[in-house]
Amino acid sequence: MNRALVAASILPMSVIIVGVGNADFGDMVELDGDVAPLVGLEGQKAARDIVQFVPFNDFVSAAAAISSGDENATAAKTLLAREVLAEVPAQVVSYMQGMKILPGSWNKKPKEKKEN
């Protein structure tokens, strides 16, 4: 898994992992790369952090509100979504900066040549 994520770190992608259940998610925390940069089996470092891991059990109260139809369900869903997607904007920016792509430069049309 490390090798694939390190290789993918040069691509325009993000990986979101939600841990469900009571398992030991220590390996997922390592993949997240927030504590230390992700390193592949051959020792190469990831070009950038592309993984966001969120343990769902951290949002048990949110899950209970969602499943019971509680009036706070919308707030609970928003909290979970915010945490799951928290790193994506920074991941997009880091990719764009790494590729030296300026905002708006990817959608500019080349100038058309006039025919005589």
C-alpha atoms as a PDB file:
ATOM      1  CA  MET A   1       0.000   0.000   0.000  1.00  0.00           C
ATOM      2  CA  ASN A   2       2.831   2.411   0.862  1.00  0.00           C
ATOM      3  CA  ARG A   3       4.442   1.870  -2.532  1.00  0.00           C
ATOM      4  CA  ALA A   4       1.206   2.622  -4.386  1.00  0.00           C
ATOM      5  CA  LEU A   5       0.490   5.762  -2.353  1.00  0.00           C
ATOM      6  CA  VAL A   6       4.034   7.066  -2.733  1.00  0.00           C
ATOM      7  CA  ALA A   7       3.804   6.494  -6.507  1.00  0.00           C
ATOM      8  CA  ALA A   8       0.363   8.158  -6.611  1.00  0.00           C
ATOM      9  CA  SER A   9       1.622  11.203  -4.711  1.00  0.00           C
ATOM     10  CA  ILE A  10       2.717  12.792  -8.000  1.00  0.00           C
ATOM     11  CA  LEU A  11      -0.788  12.423  -9.487  1.00  0.00           C
ATOM     12  CA  PRO A  12      -3.730  14.836  -9.157  1.00  0.00           C
ATOM     13  CA  MET A  13      -5.587  12.698  -6.646  1.00  0.00           C
ATOM     14  CA  SER A  14      -6.542  12.436  -3.002  1.00  0.00           C
ATOM     15  CA  VAL A  15      -7.266   9.271  -1.034  1.00  0.00           C
ATOM     16  CA  ILE A  16      -9.856   9.382   1.721  1.00  0.00           C
ATOM     17  CA  ILE A  17     -10.043   6.484   4.173  1.00  0.00           C
ATOM     18  CA  VAL A  18     -12.798   6.164   6.769  1.00  0.00           C
ATOM     19  CA  GLY A  19     -12.081   3.540   9.424  1.00  0.00           C
ATOM     20  CA  VAL A  20     -15.241   1.797  10.572  1.00  0.00           C
ATOM     21  CA  GLY A  21     -15.357  -0.426  13.647  1.00  0.00           C
ATOM     22  CA  ASN A  22     -13.117  -1.049  16.621  1.00  0.00           C
ATOM     23  CA  ALA A  23     -10.002  -2.255  14.797  1.00  0.00           C
ATOM     24  CA  ASP A  24      -6.517  -0.915  15.428  1.00  0.00           C
ATOM     25  CA  PHE A  25      -6.129   1.787  12.782  1.00  0.00           C
ATOM     26  CA  GLY A  26      -2.475   2.510  13.532  1.00  0.00           C
ATOM     27  CA  ASP A  27      -1.442   1.617   9.977  1.00  0.00           C
ATOM     28  CA  MET A  28      -4.066   3.983   8.556  1.00  0.00           C
ATOM     29  CA  VAL A  29      -2.760   6.814  10.732  1.00  0.00           C
ATOM     30  CA  GLU A  30       0.699   6.104   9.294  1.00  0.00           C
ATOM     31  CA  LEU A  31      -0.678   6.226   5.738  1.00  0.00           C
ATOM     32  CA  ASP A  32      -2.285   9.585   6.522  1.00  0.00           C
ATOM     33  CA  GLY A  33       1.163  11.150   6.672  1.00  0.00           C
ATOM     34  CA  ASP A  34       0.195  13.903   9.119  1.00  0.00           C
ATOM     35  CA  VAL A  35       2.729  12.785  11.742  1.00  0.00           C
ATOM     36  CA  ALA A  36       5.575  11.806   9.412  1.00  0.00           C
ATOM     37  CA  PRO A  37       5.901  11.772   5.613  1.00  0.00           C
ATOM     38  CA  LEU A  38       4.873   8.513   3.964  1.00  0.00           C
ATOM     39  CA  VAL A  39       7.867   6.442   2.867  1.00  0.00           C
ATOM     40  CA  GLY A  40       7.778   3.578   0.367  1.00  0.00           C
ATOM     41  CA  LEU A  41       9.396   0.190   0.847  1.00  0.00           C
ATOM     42  CA  GLU A  42      12.509   1.298  -1.047  1.00  0.00           C
ATOM     43  CA  GLY A  43      12.868   4.415   1.115  1.00  0.00           C
ATOM     44  CA  GLN A  44      11.473   6.996  -1.303  1.00  0.00           C
ATOM     45  CA  LYS A  45       9.316   9.713   0.268  1.00  0.00           C
ATOM     46  CA  ALA A  46       5.899  10.708  -1.006  1.00  0.00           C
ATOM     47  CA  ALA A  47       5.999  13.868  -3.113  1.00  0.00           C
ATOM     48  CA  ARG A  48       3.074  15.248  -1.108  1.00  0.00           C
ATOM     49  CA  ASP A  49       0.428  14.176   1.398  1.00  0.00           C
ATOM     50  CA  ILE A  50      -2.534  12.711  -0.505  1.00  0.00           C
ATOM     51  CA  VAL A  51      -4.209  10.657   2.250  1.00  0.00           C
ATOM     52  CA  GLN A  52      -6.842  11.721   4.770  1.00  0.00           C
ATOM     53  CA  PHE A  53      -7.808   9.118   7.382  1.00  0.00           C
ATOM     54  CA  VAL A  54     -10.760   9.600   9.710  1.00  0.00           C
ATOM     55  CA  PRO A  55     -11.813   7.006  12.304  1.00  0.00           C
ATOM     56  CA  PHE A  56     -15.604   6.887  12.152  1.00  0.00           C
ATOM     57  CA  ASN A  57     -15.825   6.009  15.853  1.00  0.00           C
ATOM     58  CA  ASP A  58     -14.664   9.541  16.585  1.00  0.00           C
ATOM     59  CA  PHE A  59     -18.078  10.525  15.249  1.00  0.00           C
ATOM     60  CA  VAL A  60     -20.246   7.951  17.051  1.00  0.00           C
ATOM     61  CA  SER A  61     -22.508  10.659  18.428  1.00  0.00           C
ATOM     62  CA  ALA A  62     -22.833  12.039  14.919  1.00  0.00           C
ATOM     63  CA  ALA A  63     -23.721   8.576  13.627  1.00  0.00           C
ATOM     64  CA  ALA A  64     -26.313   8.125  16.379  1.00  0.00           C
ATOM     65  CA  ALA A  65     -27.920  11.454  15.492  1.00  0.00           C
ATOM     66  CA  ILE A  66     -27.943  10.557  11.810  1.00  0.00           C
ATOM     67  CA  SER A  67     -29.495   7.107  12.318  1.00  0.00           C
ATOM     68  CA  SER A  68     -32.131   8.290  14.822  1.00  0.00           C
ATOM     69  CA  GLY A  69     -33.340  11.103  12.598  1.00  0.00           C
ATOM     70  CA  ASP A  70     -32.423  13.575  15.331  1.00  0.00           C
ATOM     71  CA  GLU A  71     -32.867  17.235  14.457  1.00  0.00           C
ATOM     72  CA  ASN A  72     -29.090  17.595  14.848  1.00  0.00           C
ATOM     73  CA  ALA A  73     -28.491  15.061  12.075  1.00  0.00           C
ATOM     74  CA  THR A  74     -27.645  17.765   9.541  1.00  0.00           C
ATOM     75  CA  ALA A  75     -25.048  19.247  11.865  1.00  0.00           C
ATOM     76  CA  ALA A  76     -23.632  15.779  12.557  1.00  0.00           C
ATOM     77  CA  LYS A  77     -23.333  15.014   8.839  1.00  0.00           C
ATOM     78  CA  THR A  78     -21.674  18.364   8.267  1.00  0.00           C
ATOM     79  CA  LEU A  79     -19.135  17.721  11.031  1.00  0.00           C
ATOM     80  CA  LEU A  80     -18.222  14.317   9.600  1.00  0.00           C
ATOM     81  CA  ALA A  81     -18.005  15.641   6.034  1.00  0.00           C
ATOM     82  CA  ARG A  82     -15.851  18.579   7.160  1.00  0.00           C
ATOM     83  CA  GLU A  83     -13.363  16.233   8.847  1.00  0.00           C
ATOM     84  CA  VAL A  84     -13.290  13.776   5.945  1.00  0.00           C
ATOM     85  CA  LEU A  85     -12.683  16.520   3.373  1.00  0.00           C
ATOM     86  CA  ALA A  86     -10.498  18.775   5.543  1.00  0.00           C
ATOM     87  CA  GLU A  87      -7.201  18.151   3.747  1.00  0.00           C
ATOM     88  CA  VAL A  88      -8.447  18.039   0.159  1.00  0.00           C
ATOM     89  CA  PRO A  89      -8.079  21.791  -0.579  1.00  0.00           C
ATOM     90  CA  ALA A  90      -4.468  21.801   0.639  1.00  0.00           C
ATOM     91  CA  GLN A  91      -3.806  18.625  -1.364  1.00  0.00           C
ATOM     92  CA  VAL A  92      -5.114  20.286  -4.540  1.00  0.00           C
ATOM     93  CA  VAL A  93      -2.985  23.371  -3.902  1.00  0.00           C
ATOM     94  CA  SER A  94       0.131  21.278  -3.229  1.00  0.00           C
ATOM     95  CA  TYR A  95      -0.369  19.401  -6.507  1.00  0.00           C
ATOM     96  CA  MET A  96      -0.879  22.610  -8.477  1.00  0.00           C
ATOM     97  CA  GLN A  97       2.180  24.238  -6.892  1.00  0.00           C
ATOM     98  CA  GLY A  98       4.293  21.140  -7.474  1.00  0.00           C
ATOM     99  CA  MET A  99       3.298  21.118 -11.141  1.00  0.00           C
ATOM    100  CA  LYS A 100       3.731  24.912 -11.389  1.00  0.00           C
ATOM    101  CA  ILE A 101       0.129  25.314 -12.566  1.00  0.00           C
ATOM    102  CA  LEU A 102      -1.187  28.814 -11.942  1.00  0.00           C
ATOM    103  CA  PRO A 103      -4.849  29.421 -11.120  1.00  0.00           C
ATOM    104  CA  GLY A 104      -6.869  29.763 -14.299  1.00  0.00           C
ATOM    105  CA  SER A 105      -4.025  28.717 -16.611  1.00  0.00           C
ATOM    106  CA  TRP A 106      -5.492  25.282 -17.356  1.00  0.00           C
ATOM    107  CA  ASN A 107      -8.624  26.611 -19.030  1.00  0.00           C
ATOM    108  CA  LYS A 108      -7.167  29.229 -21.347  1.00  0.00           C
ATOM    109  CA  LYS A 109      -7.797  28.487 -24.990  1.00  0.00           C
ATOM    110  CA  PRO A 110      -4.943  28.888 -27.429  1.00  0.00           C
ATOM    111  CA  LYS A 111      -5.334  31.843 -29.764  1.00  0.00           C
ATOM    112  CA  GLU A 112      -6.930  30.858 -33.048  1.00  0.00           C
ATOM    113  CA  LYS A 113      -5.025  31.513 -36.238  1.00  0.00           C
ATOM    114  CA  LYS A 114      -6.798  33.553 -38.867  1.00  0.00           C
ATOM    115  CA  GLU A 115      -7.014  31.960 -42.269  1.00  0.00           C
ATOM    116  CA  ASN A 116      -6.382  34.127 -45.338  1.00  0.00           C
END
